[in-house]
Amino acid sequence: MTDETIIALRNYDYLVRTYGLDDVELAWDSDTIVRGDGGYDIGLLTERGFTPATR
């Protein structure tokens, strides 16, 4: 597994464990991570430091 994949999985895991599956969604059609009333570019999942899990 690549480092980028591991970082993305750790970030996604953190979001789901912290906010729950009902509040985190991957919107593939818009390349967005939807959380609550907002969202983030899906590419942020691969960024070290996006969540505390990858700091």
PDB file of N, CA and C in Angstrom:
ATOM      1  N   MET A   1       0.847  -1.170   0.000  1.00  0.00           N
ATOM      2  CA  MET A   1       0.000   0.000   0.000  1.00  0.00           C
ATOM      3  C   MET A   1       0.896   1.238   0.000  1.00  0.00           C
ATOM      4  N   THR A   2       0.508   2.242  -0.750  1.00  0.00           N
ATOM      5  CA  THR A   2       1.317   3.460  -0.822  1.00  0.00           C
ATOM      6  C   THR A   2       1.091   4.331   0.414  1.00  0.00           C
ATOM      7  N   ASP A   3       2.045   5.215   0.687  1.00  0.00           N
ATOM      8  CA  ASP A   3       1.902   6.151   1.804  1.00  0.00           C
ATOM      9  C   ASP A   3       0.653   7.020   1.638  1.00  0.00           C
ATOM     10  N   GLU A   4       0.392   7.438   0.419  1.00  0.00           N
ATOM     11  CA  GLU A   4      -0.774   8.276   0.139  1.00  0.00           C
ATOM     12  C   GLU A   4      -2.078   7.549   0.508  1.00  0.00           C
ATOM     13  N   THR A   5      -2.150   6.273   0.192  1.00  0.00           N
ATOM     14  CA  THR A   5      -3.333   5.479   0.517  1.00  0.00           C
ATOM     15  C   THR A   5      -3.496   5.329   2.022  1.00  0.00           C
ATOM     16  N   ILE A   6      -2.411   5.062   2.712  1.00  0.00           N
ATOM     17  CA  ILE A   6      -2.455   4.916   4.166  1.00  0.00           C
ATOM     18  C   ILE A   6      -2.913   6.212   4.825  1.00  0.00           C
ATOM     19  N   ILE A   7      -2.386   7.339   4.374  1.00  0.00           N
ATOM     20  CA  ILE A   7      -2.784   8.638   4.922  1.00  0.00           C
ATOM     21  C   ILE A   7      -4.272   8.880   4.682  1.00  0.00           C
ATOM     22  N   ALA A   8      -4.751   8.598   3.472  1.00  0.00           N
ATOM     23  CA  ALA A   8      -6.165   8.803   3.144  1.00  0.00           C
ATOM     24  C   ALA A   8      -7.060   7.937   4.022  1.00  0.00           C
ATOM     25  N   LEU A   9      -6.679   6.685   4.214  1.00  0.00           N
ATOM     26  CA  LEU A   9      -7.486   5.791   5.047  1.00  0.00           C
ATOM     27  C   LEU A   9      -7.485   6.233   6.508  1.00  0.00           C
ATOM     28  N   ARG A  10      -6.355   6.661   7.003  1.00  0.00           N
ATOM     29  CA  ARG A  10      -6.290   7.142   8.393  1.00  0.00           C
ATOM     30  C   ARG A  10      -7.130   8.401   8.589  1.00  0.00           C
ATOM     31  N   ASN A  11      -7.064   9.320   7.635  1.00  0.00           N
ATOM     32  CA  ASN A  11      -7.874  10.528   7.726  1.00  0.00           C
ATOM     33  C   ASN A  11      -9.362  10.204   7.669  1.00  0.00           C
ATOM     34  N   TYR A  12      -9.762   9.345   6.741  1.00  0.00           N
ATOM     35  CA  TYR A  12     -11.167   8.968   6.624  1.00  0.00           C
ATOM     36  C   TYR A  12     -11.634   8.232   7.876  1.00  0.00           C
ATOM     37  N   ASP A  13     -10.816   7.330   8.381  1.00  0.00           N
ATOM     38  CA  ASP A  13     -11.143   6.592   9.600  1.00  0.00           C
ATOM     39  C   ASP A  13     -11.357   7.550  10.771  1.00  0.00           C
ATOM     40  N   TYR A  14     -10.498   8.539  10.886  1.00  0.00           N
ATOM     41  CA  TYR A  14     -10.640   9.531  11.956  1.00  0.00           C
ATOM     42  C   TYR A  14     -11.970  10.271  11.843  1.00  0.00           C
ATOM     43  N   LEU A  15     -12.299  10.725  10.637  1.00  0.00           N
ATOM     44  CA  LEU A  15     -13.548  11.461  10.445  1.00  0.00           C
ATOM     45  C   LEU A  15     -14.758  10.610  10.818  1.00  0.00           C
ATOM     46  N   VAL A  16     -14.766   9.361  10.380  1.00  0.00           N
ATOM     47  CA  VAL A  16     -15.904   8.482  10.664  1.00  0.00           C
ATOM     48  C   VAL A  16     -15.988   8.165  12.149  1.00  0.00           C
ATOM     49  N   ARG A  17     -14.859   7.881  12.788  1.00  0.00           N
ATOM     50  CA  ARG A  17     -14.882   7.568  14.219  1.00  0.00           C
ATOM     51  C   ARG A  17     -15.249   8.784  15.066  1.00  0.00           C
ATOM     52  N   THR A  18     -14.873   9.965  14.620  1.00  0.00           N
ATOM     53  CA  THR A  18     -15.137  11.178  15.377  1.00  0.00           C
ATOM     54  C   THR A  18     -16.564  11.695  15.166  1.00  0.00           C
ATOM     55  N   TYR A  19     -17.034  11.690  13.917  1.00  0.00           N
ATOM     56  CA  TYR A  19     -18.326  12.305  13.597  1.00  0.00           C
ATOM     57  C   TYR A  19     -19.426  11.297  13.277  1.00  0.00           C
ATOM     58  N   GLY A  20     -19.070  10.034  13.035  1.00  0.00           N
ATOM     59  CA  GLY A  20     -20.063   9.006  12.739  1.00  0.00           C
ATOM     60  C   GLY A  20     -20.372   8.890  11.259  1.00  0.00           C
ATOM     61  N   LEU A  21     -20.809   7.707  10.883  1.00  0.00           N
ATOM     62  CA  LEU A  21     -21.133   7.448   9.476  1.00  0.00           C
ATOM     63  C   LEU A  21     -22.295   8.290   8.969  1.00  0.00           C
ATOM     64  N   ASP A  22     -23.180   8.699   9.854  1.00  0.00           N
ATOM     65  CA  ASP A  22     -24.317   9.510   9.442  1.00  0.00           C
ATOM     66  C   ASP A  22     -23.922  10.946   9.109  1.00  0.00           C
ATOM     67  N   ASP A  23     -22.715  11.370   9.524  1.00  0.00           N
ATOM     68  CA  ASP A  23     -22.297  12.755   9.323  1.00  0.00           C
ATOM     69  C   ASP A  23     -21.097  12.900   8.393  1.00  0.00           C
ATOM     70  N   VAL A  24     -20.617  11.806   7.823  1.00  0.00           N
ATOM     71  CA  VAL A  24     -19.474  11.858   6.900  1.00  0.00           C
ATOM     72  C   VAL A  24     -19.855  11.091   5.635  1.00  0.00           C
ATOM     73  N   GLU A  25     -19.723  11.751   4.509  1.00  0.00           N
ATOM     74  CA  GLU A  25     -20.090  11.118   3.245  1.00  0.00           C
ATOM     75  C   GLU A  25     -19.077  11.484   2.171  1.00  0.00           C
ATOM     76  N   LEU A  26     -18.753  10.528   1.322  1.00  0.00           N
ATOM     77  CA  LEU A  26     -17.912  10.804   0.156  1.00  0.00           C
ATOM     78  C   LEU A  26     -18.843  11.037  -1.029  1.00  0.00           C
ATOM     79  N   ALA A  27     -18.865  12.248  -1.537  1.00  0.00           N
ATOM     80  CA  ALA A  27     -19.696  12.589  -2.688  1.00  0.00           C
ATOM     81  C   ALA A  27     -18.814  12.498  -3.929  1.00  0.00           C
ATOM     82  N   TRP A  28     -18.799  11.336  -4.547  1.00  0.00           N
ATOM     83  CA  TRP A  28     -17.901  11.076  -5.669  1.00  0.00           C
ATOM     84  C   TRP A  28     -18.186  11.980  -6.861  1.00  0.00           C
ATOM     85  N   ASP A  29     -19.447  12.319  -7.087  1.00  0.00           N
ATOM     86  CA  ASP A  29     -19.792  13.135  -8.257  1.00  0.00           C
ATOM     87  C   ASP A  29     -19.235  14.556  -8.176  1.00  0.00           C
ATOM     88  N   SER A  30     -19.015  15.043  -6.952  1.00  0.00           N
ATOM     89  CA  SER A  30     -18.466  16.401  -6.797  1.00  0.00           C
ATOM     90  C   SER A  30     -17.073  16.396  -6.164  1.00  0.00           C
ATOM     91  N   ASP A  31     -16.477  15.204  -5.985  1.00  0.00           N
ATOM     92  CA  ASP A  31     -15.153  15.074  -5.368  1.00  0.00           C
ATOM     93  C   ASP A  31     -15.089  15.813  -4.038  1.00  0.00           C
ATOM     94  N   THR A  32     -16.091  15.563  -3.193  1.00  0.00           N
ATOM     95  CA  THR A  32     -16.213  16.260  -1.922  1.00  0.00           C
ATOM     96  C   THR A  32     -16.405  15.285  -0.778  1.00  0.00           C
ATOM     97  N   ILE A  33     -15.817  15.618   0.365  1.00  0.00           N
ATOM     98  CA  ILE A  33     -16.124  14.941   1.615  1.00  0.00           C
ATOM     99  C   ILE A  33     -17.176  15.817   2.278  1.00  0.00           C
ATOM    100  N   VAL A  34     -18.382  15.312   2.417  1.00  0.00           N
ATOM    101  CA  VAL A  34     -19.468  16.081   3.014  1.00  0.00           C
ATOM    102  C   VAL A  34     -19.512  15.760   4.502  1.00  0.00           C
ATOM    103  N   ARG A  35     -19.517  16.820   5.328  1.00  0.00           N
ATOM    104  CA  ARG A  35     -19.623  16.645   6.777  1.00  0.00           C
ATOM    105  C   ARG A  35     -20.504  17.749   7.330  1.00  0.00           C
ATOM    106  N   GLY A  36     -21.601  17.348   7.938  1.00  0.00           N
ATOM    107  CA  GLY A  36     -22.527  18.339   8.472  1.00  0.00           C
ATOM    108  C   GLY A  36     -23.078  19.200   7.357  1.00  0.00           C
ATOM    109  N   ASP A  37     -23.007  20.505   7.529  1.00  0.00           N
ATOM    110  CA  ASP A  37     -23.513  21.441   6.531  1.00  0.00           C
ATOM    111  C   ASP A  37     -22.432  21.920   5.568  1.00  0.00           C
ATOM    112  N   GLY A  38     -21.239  21.343   5.665  1.00  0.00           N
ATOM    113  CA  GLY A  38     -20.143  21.800   4.821  1.00  0.00           C
ATOM    114  C   GLY A  38     -19.461  20.653   4.114  1.00  0.00           C
ATOM    115  N   GLY A  39     -18.305  20.961   3.578  1.00  0.00           N
ATOM    116  CA  GLY A  39     -17.567  19.927   2.883  1.00  0.00           C
ATOM    117  C   GLY A  39     -16.132  20.334   2.623  1.00  0.00           C
ATOM    118  N   TYR A  40     -15.359  19.367   2.176  1.00  0.00           N
ATOM    119  CA  TYR A  40     -13.943  19.556   1.881  1.00  0.00           C
ATOM    120  C   TYR A  40     -13.642  18.881   0.556  1.00  0.00           C
ATOM    121  N   ASP A  41     -12.644  19.369  -0.136  1.00  0.00           N
ATOM    122  CA  ASP A  41     -12.173  18.710  -1.348  1.00  0.00           C
ATOM    123  C   ASP A  41     -11.677  17.319  -0.976  1.00  0.00           C
ATOM    124  N   ILE A  42     -12.085  16.329  -1.733  1.00  0.00           N
ATOM    125  CA  ILE A  42     -11.746  14.944  -1.417  1.00  0.00           C
ATOM    126  C   ILE A  42     -10.231  14.706  -1.421  1.00  0.00           C
ATOM    127  N   GLY A  43      -9.500  15.526  -2.154  1.00  0.00           N
ATOM    128  CA  GLY A  43      -8.052  15.398  -2.210  1.00  0.00           C
ATOM    129  C   GLY A  43      -7.374  15.641  -0.870  1.00  0.00           C
ATOM    130  N   LEU A  44      -8.057  16.326   0.035  1.00  0.00           N
ATOM    131  CA  LEU A  44      -7.485  16.571   1.362  1.00  0.00           C
ATOM    132  C   LEU A  44      -7.277  15.289   2.155  1.00  0.00           C
ATOM    133  N   LEU A  45      -8.003  14.237   1.804  1.00  0.00           N
ATOM    134  CA  LEU A  45      -7.814  12.977   2.513  1.00  0.00           C
ATOM    135  C   LEU A  45      -6.373  12.478   2.413  1.00  0.00           C
ATOM    136  N   THR A  46      -5.697  12.815   1.340  1.00  0.00           N
ATOM    137  CA  THR A  46      -4.326  12.336   1.149  1.00  0.00           C
ATOM    138  C   THR A  46      -3.280  13.243   1.781  1.00  0.00           C
ATOM    139  N   GLU A  47      -3.736  14.328   2.414  1.00  0.00           N
ATOM    140  CA  GLU A  47      -2.809  15.290   3.014  1.00  0.00           C
ATOM    141  C   GLU A  47      -2.487  14.939   4.462  1.00  0.00           C
ATOM    142  N   ARG A  48      -1.207  14.800   4.743  1.00  0.00           N
ATOM    143  CA  ARG A  48      -0.760  14.587   6.122  1.00  0.00           C
ATOM    144  C   ARG A  48      -1.142  15.827   6.931  1.00  0.00           C
ATOM    145  N   GLY A  49      -1.779  15.614   8.086  1.00  0.00           N
ATOM    146  CA  GLY A  49      -2.185  16.721   8.931  1.00  0.00           C
ATOM    147  C   GLY A  49      -3.619  17.192   8.714  1.00  0.00           C
ATOM    148  N   PHE A  50      -4.328  16.613   7.754  1.00  0.00           N
ATOM    149  CA  PHE A  50      -5.729  16.991   7.542  1.00  0.00           C
ATOM    150  C   PHE A  50      -6.561  16.697   8.797  1.00  0.00           C
ATOM    151  N   THR A  51      -6.237  15.616   9.488  1.00  0.00           N
ATOM    152  CA  THR A  51      -6.849  15.284  10.767  1.00  0.00           C
ATOM    153  C   THR A  51      -5.737  14.973  11.757  1.00  0.00           C
ATOM    154  N   PRO A  52      -6.041  14.939  13.038  1.00  0.00           N
ATOM    155  CA  PRO A  52      -5.024  14.579  14.025  1.00  0.00           C
ATOM    156  C   PRO A  52      -4.433  13.183  13.817  1.00  0.00           C
ATOM    157  N   ALA A  53      -5.125  12.332  13.105  1.00  0.00           N
ATOM    158  CA  ALA A  53      -4.634  10.963  12.874  1.00  0.00           C
ATOM    159  C   ALA A  53      -3.370  10.912  12.022  1.00  0.00           C
ATOM    160  N   THR A  54      -3.090  11.988  11.294  1.00  0.00           N
ATOM    161  CA  THR A  54      -1.925  11.977  10.405  1.00  0.00           C
ATOM    162  C   THR A  54      -0.935  13.103  10.703  1.00  0.00           C
ATOM    163  N   ARG A  55      -0.974  13.609  11.886  1.00  0.00           N
ATOM    164  CA  ARG A  55      -0.008  14.659  12.260  1.00  0.00           C
ATOM    165  C   ARG A  55       1.299  14.051  12.630  1.00  0.00           C
TER     166      ARG A  55
END
